[in-house]
N, C-alpha and C. Protein backbone atom coordinates (compact mmCIF):
# COMPACT_ATOMS: atom_id res chain seq x y z
N MET A 1 0.89 -1.17 0.03
CA MET A 1 0.01 -0.01 -0.01
C MET A 1 0.84 1.30 -0.01
N ARG A 2 1.97 1.21 0.79
CA ARG A 2 2.82 2.43 0.83
C ARG A 2 3.47 2.65 -0.43
N LEU A 3 3.84 1.62 -1.17
CA LEU A 3 4.44 1.65 -2.55
C LEU A 3 3.54 2.31 -3.41
N ALA A 4 2.34 1.89 -3.39
CA ALA A 4 1.21 2.44 -4.25
C ALA A 4 1.07 3.95 -3.96
N ARG A 5 1.01 4.34 -2.79
CA ARG A 5 0.95 5.80 -2.47
C ARG A 5 2.13 6.62 -3.00
N LYS A 6 3.26 6.06 -2.82
CA LYS A 6 4.48 6.66 -3.30
C LYS A 6 4.42 6.76 -4.83
N LEU A 7 3.98 5.80 -5.58
CA LEU A 7 3.92 5.78 -6.92
C LEU A 7 3.02 6.94 -7.50
N PHE A 8 1.81 7.05 -6.73
CA PHE A 8 0.85 8.12 -7.19
C PHE A 8 1.31 9.41 -6.82
N SER A 9 2.23 9.56 -5.94
CA SER A 9 2.79 10.93 -5.60
C SER A 9 3.82 11.44 -6.51
N LEU A 10 4.26 10.56 -7.47
CA LEU A 10 5.43 11.04 -8.43
C LEU A 10 4.93 12.11 -9.39
N SER A 11 5.89 12.99 -9.70
CA SER A 11 5.53 13.94 -10.79
C SER A 11 5.61 13.23 -12.22
N ALA A 12 5.22 14.04 -13.11
CA ALA A 12 5.29 13.45 -14.56
C ALA A 12 6.63 13.25 -14.98
N ARG A 13 7.57 14.08 -14.50
CA ARG A 13 9.00 13.90 -14.84
C ARG A 13 9.65 12.72 -14.26
N GLN A 14 9.22 12.32 -12.97
CA GLN A 14 9.68 11.25 -12.13
C GLN A 14 9.16 9.89 -12.85
N TRP A 15 7.91 9.91 -13.34
CA TRP A 15 7.36 8.82 -14.07
C TRP A 15 8.13 8.56 -15.33
N ARG A 16 8.37 9.64 -16.16
CA ARG A 16 9.18 9.51 -17.37
C ARG A 16 10.54 8.91 -17.06
N ASP A 17 11.17 9.43 -15.98
CA ASP A 17 12.45 8.94 -15.63
C ASP A 17 12.45 7.47 -15.20
N LEU A 18 11.40 7.00 -14.59
CA LEU A 18 11.25 5.65 -14.24
C LEU A 18 11.06 4.69 -15.51
N LEU A 19 10.34 5.21 -16.47
CA LEU A 19 10.12 4.47 -17.68
C LEU A 19 11.39 4.44 -18.51
N ALA A 20 12.14 5.60 -18.47
CA ALA A 20 13.35 5.67 -19.28
C ALA A 20 14.42 4.69 -18.59
N ALA A 21 14.36 4.72 -17.20
CA ALA A 21 15.28 3.89 -16.47
C ALA A 21 15.07 2.37 -16.86
N GLN A 22 13.88 1.94 -16.91
CA GLN A 22 13.44 0.54 -17.16
C GLN A 22 13.97 0.21 -18.63
N TRP A 23 13.80 1.10 -19.53
CA TRP A 23 14.10 1.01 -20.93
C TRP A 23 15.74 0.82 -20.86
N SER A 24 16.38 1.79 -20.19
CA SER A 24 17.87 1.85 -20.21
C SER A 24 18.42 0.51 -19.73
N LEU A 25 17.71 -0.02 -18.63
CA LEU A 25 18.24 -1.22 -18.01
C LEU A 25 18.09 -2.49 -18.93
N TRP A 26 16.90 -2.48 -19.69
CA TRP A 26 16.79 -3.63 -20.63
C TRP A 26 17.80 -3.46 -21.71
N ALA A 27 18.01 -2.31 -22.13
CA ALA A 27 19.01 -2.13 -23.34
C ALA A 27 20.36 -2.53 -22.77
N ALA A 28 20.71 -2.13 -21.55
CA ALA A 28 22.06 -2.48 -21.04
C ALA A 28 22.17 -3.97 -20.83
N GLN A 29 21.16 -4.69 -20.32
CA GLN A 29 21.18 -6.03 -20.21
C GLN A 29 21.29 -6.79 -21.53
N TRP A 30 20.67 -6.29 -22.59
CA TRP A 30 20.68 -6.98 -23.87
C TRP A 30 22.05 -6.64 -24.43
N ALA A 31 22.65 -5.51 -24.37
CA ALA A 31 23.91 -5.18 -24.85
C ALA A 31 25.06 -6.07 -24.16
N LEU A 32 24.96 -6.28 -22.87
CA LEU A 32 25.89 -7.03 -22.13
C LEU A 32 25.93 -8.53 -22.56
N ARG A 33 24.66 -9.07 -22.88
CA ARG A 33 24.56 -10.45 -23.30
C ARG A 33 24.98 -10.62 -24.80
N HIS A 34 25.10 -9.61 -25.60
CA HIS A 34 25.26 -9.75 -26.94
C HIS A 34 26.66 -9.13 -27.35
N ARG A 35 27.46 -8.72 -26.47
CA ARG A 35 28.74 -8.18 -26.77
C ARG A 35 29.86 -9.13 -26.56
N PRO A 36 30.89 -9.32 -27.23
CA PRO A 36 32.04 -10.11 -26.88
C PRO A 36 32.64 -9.66 -25.56
N THR A 37 33.08 -10.68 -24.79
CA THR A 37 33.87 -10.36 -23.56
C THR A 37 34.92 -9.25 -23.81
N GLY A 38 35.05 -8.27 -22.94
CA GLY A 38 36.01 -7.25 -23.06
C GLY A 38 35.79 -6.14 -23.95
N ALA A 39 34.64 -6.24 -24.86
CA ALA A 39 34.33 -5.20 -25.75
C ALA A 39 33.78 -3.91 -24.95
N LEU A 40 33.03 -4.18 -23.86
CA LEU A 40 32.51 -3.11 -23.09
C LEU A 40 33.54 -2.15 -22.61
N MET A 41 34.57 -2.66 -22.00
CA MET A 41 35.70 -1.84 -21.44
C MET A 41 36.26 -1.13 -22.58
N LYS A 42 36.55 -1.68 -23.70
CA LYS A 42 37.07 -0.99 -24.84
C LYS A 42 36.34 0.14 -25.21
N GLU A 43 34.97 -0.08 -25.34
CA GLU A 43 34.03 1.10 -25.71
C GLU A 43 34.03 2.24 -24.57
N TRP A 44 34.03 1.76 -23.44
CA TRP A 44 33.93 2.83 -22.29
C TRP A 44 35.24 3.61 -22.30
N SER A 45 36.34 3.04 -22.61
CA SER A 45 37.73 3.61 -22.49
C SER A 45 37.80 4.63 -23.68
N SER A 46 37.07 4.57 -24.75
CA SER A 46 37.02 5.53 -25.81
C SER A 46 36.06 6.71 -25.58
N GLY A 47 35.52 6.75 -24.31
CA GLY A 47 34.39 7.73 -24.13
C GLY A 47 35.06 9.04 -23.73
N SER A 48 34.40 9.78 -22.87
CA SER A 48 34.83 11.13 -22.48
C SER A 48 35.90 11.07 -21.47
N THR A 49 36.37 12.16 -20.96
CA THR A 49 37.49 12.13 -20.06
C THR A 49 36.99 12.76 -18.65
N VAL A 50 37.75 12.45 -17.69
CA VAL A 50 37.53 12.91 -16.28
C VAL A 50 37.16 14.42 -16.23
N GLY A 51 37.91 15.25 -16.85
CA GLY A 51 37.78 16.69 -16.92
C GLY A 51 36.44 17.20 -17.43
N ASP A 52 35.69 16.29 -18.15
CA ASP A 52 34.46 16.72 -18.74
C ASP A 52 33.29 16.88 -17.75
N ALA A 53 33.40 16.38 -16.58
CA ALA A 53 32.17 16.37 -15.61
C ALA A 53 31.99 17.83 -15.20
N ASP A 54 30.78 18.26 -15.53
CA ASP A 54 30.30 19.65 -15.08
C ASP A 54 29.41 19.55 -13.83
N PRO A 55 30.01 19.99 -12.75
CA PRO A 55 29.33 19.77 -11.33
C PRO A 55 27.84 20.44 -11.34
N ARG A 56 27.68 21.36 -12.25
CA ARG A 56 26.26 22.04 -12.48
C ARG A 56 25.16 20.91 -12.88
N GLN A 57 25.80 19.84 -13.48
CA GLN A 57 24.88 18.83 -14.09
C GLN A 57 24.77 17.63 -12.98
N LEU A 58 25.32 17.76 -11.86
CA LEU A 58 25.17 16.86 -10.77
C LEU A 58 23.76 16.51 -10.35
N PRO A 59 22.93 17.47 -10.20
CA PRO A 59 21.53 17.28 -9.75
C PRO A 59 20.81 16.28 -10.71
N ARG A 60 21.05 16.46 -12.07
CA ARG A 60 20.33 15.65 -13.04
C ARG A 60 20.92 14.21 -12.99
N ALA A 61 22.32 14.16 -12.91
CA ALA A 61 22.93 12.96 -12.79
C ALA A 61 22.42 12.13 -11.56
N ARG A 62 22.28 12.77 -10.40
CA ARG A 62 21.65 12.19 -9.22
C ARG A 62 20.25 11.51 -9.59
N GLU A 63 19.43 12.32 -10.33
CA GLU A 63 18.10 11.96 -10.57
C GLU A 63 18.13 10.72 -11.44
N ILE A 64 19.01 10.63 -12.47
CA ILE A 64 19.09 9.42 -13.39
C ILE A 64 19.63 8.32 -12.64
N GLY A 65 20.63 8.47 -11.69
CA GLY A 65 21.06 7.33 -10.91
C GLY A 65 20.06 6.82 -10.01
N GLU A 66 19.19 7.73 -9.37
CA GLU A 66 18.17 7.30 -8.49
C GLU A 66 17.17 6.58 -9.17
N ALA A 67 16.77 6.97 -10.36
CA ALA A 67 15.70 6.33 -11.24
C ALA A 67 16.14 4.92 -11.59
N VAL A 68 17.34 4.90 -11.93
CA VAL A 68 17.97 3.44 -12.28
C VAL A 68 18.01 2.48 -11.04
N ARG A 69 18.31 3.15 -10.01
CA ARG A 69 18.48 2.32 -8.73
C ARG A 69 17.06 1.82 -8.28
N ARG A 70 16.09 2.72 -8.38
CA ARG A 70 14.71 2.35 -8.00
C ARG A 70 14.13 1.28 -8.94
N VAL A 71 14.36 1.46 -10.17
CA VAL A 71 13.82 0.50 -11.06
C VAL A 71 14.52 -0.89 -10.91
N ALA A 72 15.87 -0.85 -10.65
CA ALA A 72 16.53 -2.14 -10.46
C ALA A 72 16.09 -2.81 -9.18
N LEU A 73 15.60 -2.04 -8.16
CA LEU A 73 15.08 -2.64 -7.04
C LEU A 73 13.66 -3.11 -7.07
N TYR A 74 12.87 -2.32 -7.76
CA TYR A 74 11.41 -2.55 -7.80
C TYR A 74 10.89 -2.89 -9.12
N GLY A 75 11.65 -2.82 -10.20
CA GLY A 75 11.12 -3.06 -11.51
C GLY A 75 10.88 -4.42 -11.87
N ILE A 76 10.76 -4.68 -13.18
CA ILE A 76 10.51 -5.99 -13.70
C ILE A 76 11.53 -7.01 -13.50
N THR A 77 12.84 -6.59 -13.67
CA THR A 77 13.98 -7.52 -13.57
C THR A 77 14.91 -6.90 -12.44
N ARG A 78 15.92 -7.72 -12.16
CA ARG A 78 16.85 -7.36 -11.02
C ARG A 78 18.25 -7.34 -11.77
N PRO A 79 18.54 -6.34 -12.39
CA PRO A 79 19.92 -6.36 -13.16
C PRO A 79 21.06 -6.36 -12.25
N GLN A 80 22.12 -6.87 -12.74
CA GLN A 80 23.40 -6.85 -12.02
C GLN A 80 23.95 -5.45 -12.11
N CYS A 81 24.98 -5.12 -11.22
CA CYS A 81 25.67 -3.90 -11.10
C CYS A 81 26.25 -3.31 -12.32
N LEU A 82 26.78 -4.24 -13.19
CA LEU A 82 27.43 -3.84 -14.45
C LEU A 82 26.32 -3.20 -15.46
N ALA A 83 25.18 -3.89 -15.43
CA ALA A 83 24.10 -3.41 -16.30
C ALA A 83 23.58 -2.09 -15.86
N ARG A 84 23.53 -1.92 -14.46
CA ARG A 84 23.04 -0.66 -13.90
C ARG A 84 24.05 0.47 -14.23
N SER A 85 25.35 0.16 -14.20
CA SER A 85 26.36 1.13 -14.45
C SER A 85 26.29 1.51 -15.93
N LEU A 86 26.15 0.48 -16.81
CA LEU A 86 26.06 0.77 -18.31
C LEU A 86 24.73 1.64 -18.54
N ALA A 87 23.65 1.31 -17.86
CA ALA A 87 22.41 2.07 -18.08
C ALA A 87 22.62 3.54 -17.61
N ILE A 88 23.12 3.80 -16.47
CA ILE A 88 23.27 5.13 -16.01
C ILE A 88 24.35 5.86 -16.98
N SER A 89 25.46 5.32 -17.24
CA SER A 89 26.43 6.02 -17.89
C SER A 89 25.96 6.37 -19.42
N THR A 90 25.23 5.41 -20.07
CA THR A 90 24.64 5.59 -21.29
C THR A 90 23.68 6.77 -21.29
N TRP A 91 22.87 6.71 -20.29
CA TRP A 91 21.71 7.59 -20.16
C TRP A 91 22.26 9.03 -20.04
N LEU A 92 23.27 9.15 -19.19
CA LEU A 92 23.85 10.44 -18.95
C LEU A 92 24.58 10.99 -20.30
N GLU A 93 25.22 10.16 -21.03
CA GLU A 93 25.69 10.59 -22.32
C GLU A 93 24.62 10.92 -23.30
N ARG A 94 23.54 10.26 -23.24
CA ARG A 94 22.44 10.42 -24.22
C ARG A 94 21.81 11.76 -23.99
N GLU A 95 21.90 12.22 -22.58
CA GLU A 95 21.34 13.63 -22.14
C GLU A 95 22.46 14.65 -22.40
N GLY A 96 23.60 14.37 -22.89
CA GLY A 96 24.66 15.35 -23.18
C GLY A 96 25.39 15.52 -21.87
N ILE A 97 25.28 14.72 -20.92
CA ILE A 97 25.98 14.89 -19.62
C ILE A 97 27.30 14.08 -19.61
N ALA A 98 28.39 14.64 -20.06
CA ALA A 98 29.61 14.05 -20.16
C ALA A 98 30.36 13.90 -18.85
N GLY A 99 31.33 12.89 -18.78
CA GLY A 99 32.21 12.84 -17.70
C GLY A 99 31.85 11.76 -16.66
N ALA A 100 31.02 10.89 -16.91
CA ALA A 100 30.75 9.74 -15.97
C ALA A 100 31.99 8.90 -15.99
N ILE A 101 32.33 8.42 -14.84
CA ILE A 101 33.36 7.40 -14.66
C ILE A 101 32.73 6.15 -14.07
N VAL A 102 32.91 5.05 -14.78
CA VAL A 102 32.47 3.78 -14.30
C VAL A 102 33.68 3.08 -13.53
N ARG A 103 33.44 2.73 -12.37
CA ARG A 103 34.47 2.06 -11.49
C ARG A 103 34.13 0.62 -11.31
N ILE A 104 35.08 -0.25 -11.39
CA ILE A 104 34.91 -1.66 -11.10
C ILE A 104 35.89 -2.05 -9.91
N GLY A 105 35.35 -2.55 -8.77
CA GLY A 105 36.17 -2.96 -7.73
C GLY A 105 35.90 -4.42 -7.23
N VAL A 106 36.79 -4.84 -6.39
CA VAL A 106 36.73 -6.26 -5.93
C VAL A 106 36.98 -6.18 -4.42
N ARG A 107 36.47 -7.30 -3.79
CA ARG A 107 36.84 -7.49 -2.30
C ARG A 107 36.74 -8.99 -2.04
N PRO A 108 37.51 -9.43 -1.12
CA PRO A 108 37.37 -10.91 -0.77
C PRO A 108 36.04 -11.12 -0.04
N ASP A 109 35.39 -12.18 -0.23
CA ASP A 109 34.05 -12.61 0.28
C ASP A 109 34.02 -13.98 0.71
N ASP A 110 34.46 -14.29 1.90
CA ASP A 110 34.56 -15.78 2.29
C ASP A 110 35.51 -16.55 1.46
N THR A 111 34.97 -17.45 0.55
CA THR A 111 35.89 -18.29 -0.22
C THR A 111 35.96 -17.80 -1.70
N ARG A 112 35.52 -16.54 -1.95
CA ARG A 112 35.38 -16.22 -3.36
C ARG A 112 35.86 -14.67 -3.27
N ILE A 113 35.85 -14.02 -4.54
CA ILE A 113 36.05 -12.59 -4.66
C ILE A 113 34.79 -12.05 -5.23
N ALA A 114 34.32 -11.02 -4.49
CA ALA A 114 33.08 -10.33 -4.99
C ALA A 114 33.55 -9.17 -5.88
N ALA A 115 32.77 -8.86 -6.86
CA ALA A 115 33.04 -7.64 -7.76
C ALA A 115 31.88 -6.73 -7.77
N HIS A 116 32.06 -5.51 -8.05
CA HIS A 116 31.04 -4.57 -8.14
C HIS A 116 31.33 -3.45 -9.03
N ALA A 117 30.43 -2.92 -9.74
CA ALA A 117 30.58 -1.82 -10.66
C ALA A 117 29.69 -0.64 -10.17
N TRP A 118 30.11 0.63 -10.32
CA TRP A 118 29.43 1.77 -9.97
C TRP A 118 29.85 2.92 -10.79
N VAL A 119 28.99 3.95 -10.71
CA VAL A 119 29.09 5.20 -11.50
C VAL A 119 29.57 6.40 -10.59
N GLU A 120 30.45 7.15 -11.00
CA GLU A 120 30.81 8.38 -10.23
C GLU A 120 30.66 9.56 -11.28
N PHE A 121 30.13 10.63 -10.83
CA PHE A 121 30.06 11.87 -11.70
C PHE A 121 30.39 13.08 -10.85
N ALA A 122 31.33 13.85 -11.17
CA ALA A 122 31.84 15.01 -10.59
C ALA A 122 32.20 14.70 -9.06
N GLY A 123 32.74 13.60 -8.93
CA GLY A 123 33.36 13.22 -7.65
C GLY A 123 32.23 12.60 -6.77
N GLU A 124 31.05 12.39 -7.15
CA GLU A 124 30.06 11.81 -6.33
C GLU A 124 29.57 10.43 -6.98
N ILE A 125 29.19 9.42 -6.18
CA ILE A 125 28.76 8.16 -6.56
C ILE A 125 27.19 8.38 -6.84
N VAL A 126 26.71 7.96 -8.11
CA VAL A 126 25.37 8.17 -8.42
C VAL A 126 24.79 6.76 -8.64
N GLY A 127 23.55 6.55 -8.12
CA GLY A 127 22.81 5.18 -8.39
C GLY A 127 23.33 4.23 -7.38
N ASP A 128 24.07 4.54 -6.41
CA ASP A 128 24.56 3.40 -5.50
C ASP A 128 24.95 4.27 -4.12
N SER A 129 25.22 3.53 -3.15
CA SER A 129 25.57 4.19 -1.92
C SER A 129 27.10 4.13 -1.58
N ARG A 130 27.59 5.13 -1.08
CA ARG A 130 29.03 5.29 -0.68
C ARG A 130 29.38 4.16 0.27
N ALA A 131 28.51 3.87 1.16
CA ALA A 131 28.74 2.75 2.27
C ALA A 131 28.96 1.42 1.46
N HIS A 132 28.24 1.10 0.52
CA HIS A 132 28.35 -0.18 -0.15
C HIS A 132 29.57 -0.26 -1.05
N VAL A 133 29.90 0.77 -1.67
CA VAL A 133 31.14 0.83 -2.52
C VAL A 133 32.40 0.89 -1.66
N ARG A 134 32.30 1.40 -0.55
CA ARG A 134 33.57 1.68 0.22
C ARG A 134 34.36 0.32 0.50
N GLY A 135 33.69 -0.86 0.53
CA GLY A 135 34.43 -2.04 0.82
C GLY A 135 35.18 -2.62 -0.29
N PHE A 136 35.11 -1.98 -1.51
CA PHE A 136 35.63 -2.63 -2.68
C PHE A 136 37.01 -1.88 -2.95
N GLN A 137 37.96 -2.70 -3.31
CA GLN A 137 39.24 -2.15 -3.84
C GLN A 137 39.17 -1.95 -5.33
N LEU A 138 39.49 -0.74 -5.82
CA LEU A 138 39.42 -0.29 -7.29
C LEU A 138 40.25 -1.32 -8.12
N LEU A 139 39.68 -1.86 -9.14
CA LEU A 139 40.31 -2.81 -10.00
C LEU A 139 40.47 -2.13 -11.43
N ALA A 140 39.37 -1.42 -11.77
CA ALA A 140 39.38 -0.80 -13.18
C ALA A 140 38.51 0.44 -13.31
N THR A 141 38.90 1.36 -14.00
CA THR A 141 38.08 2.58 -14.29
C THR A 141 37.91 2.75 -15.78
N ALA A 142 36.59 3.15 -16.05
CA ALA A 142 36.35 3.26 -17.53
C ALA A 142 35.73 4.75 -17.59
N LEU A 143 35.94 5.48 -18.58
CA LEU A 143 35.62 6.82 -18.78
C LEU A 143 34.45 6.90 -19.74
N GLY A 144 33.26 7.36 -19.22
CA GLY A 144 32.16 7.48 -20.08
C GLY A 144 31.52 6.30 -20.74
N ALA A 145 30.39 6.51 -21.40
CA ALA A 145 29.69 5.37 -22.02
C ALA A 145 30.34 5.08 -23.34
N GLY A 146 31.09 5.92 -23.97
CA GLY A 146 31.49 5.61 -25.33
C GLY A 146 30.45 5.81 -26.40
N LYS A 147 30.76 5.49 -27.50
CA LYS A 147 29.77 5.59 -28.59
C LYS A 147 29.18 4.25 -28.76
N ARG A 148 27.74 4.18 -28.91
CA ARG A 148 27.16 2.98 -29.08
C ARG A 148 26.49 3.07 -30.50
């Protein structure tokens, strides 16, 4: 019931963002399934540069990250972190917001190694929590979404 009330209280822009987030996540999941291994990092590396991030665009980047996070939690599918990062970085580029940095980190987790991907924009994590990301040691960085 609480979720229904929250949904009905959303603005038209928030509804559009949720629908765009669901579409972006589906596209990201499809792209990850149909790309050769390693192709994504090569494309990301050919994207924008760190200096491109305009802090004035941070509020919109936060909105996009939050929309993707919400849809990933409550939407039709439960995409992995790499798909969420691809969806956020691609959506930012699509809106002309350059300078997103995709980070990939690892941490020991009992008998295996856990990996996680997240997006940073203008020095801030978008679409994820700083507390969750803090436990990961940086393994790779990719700049921007590249050209698709």
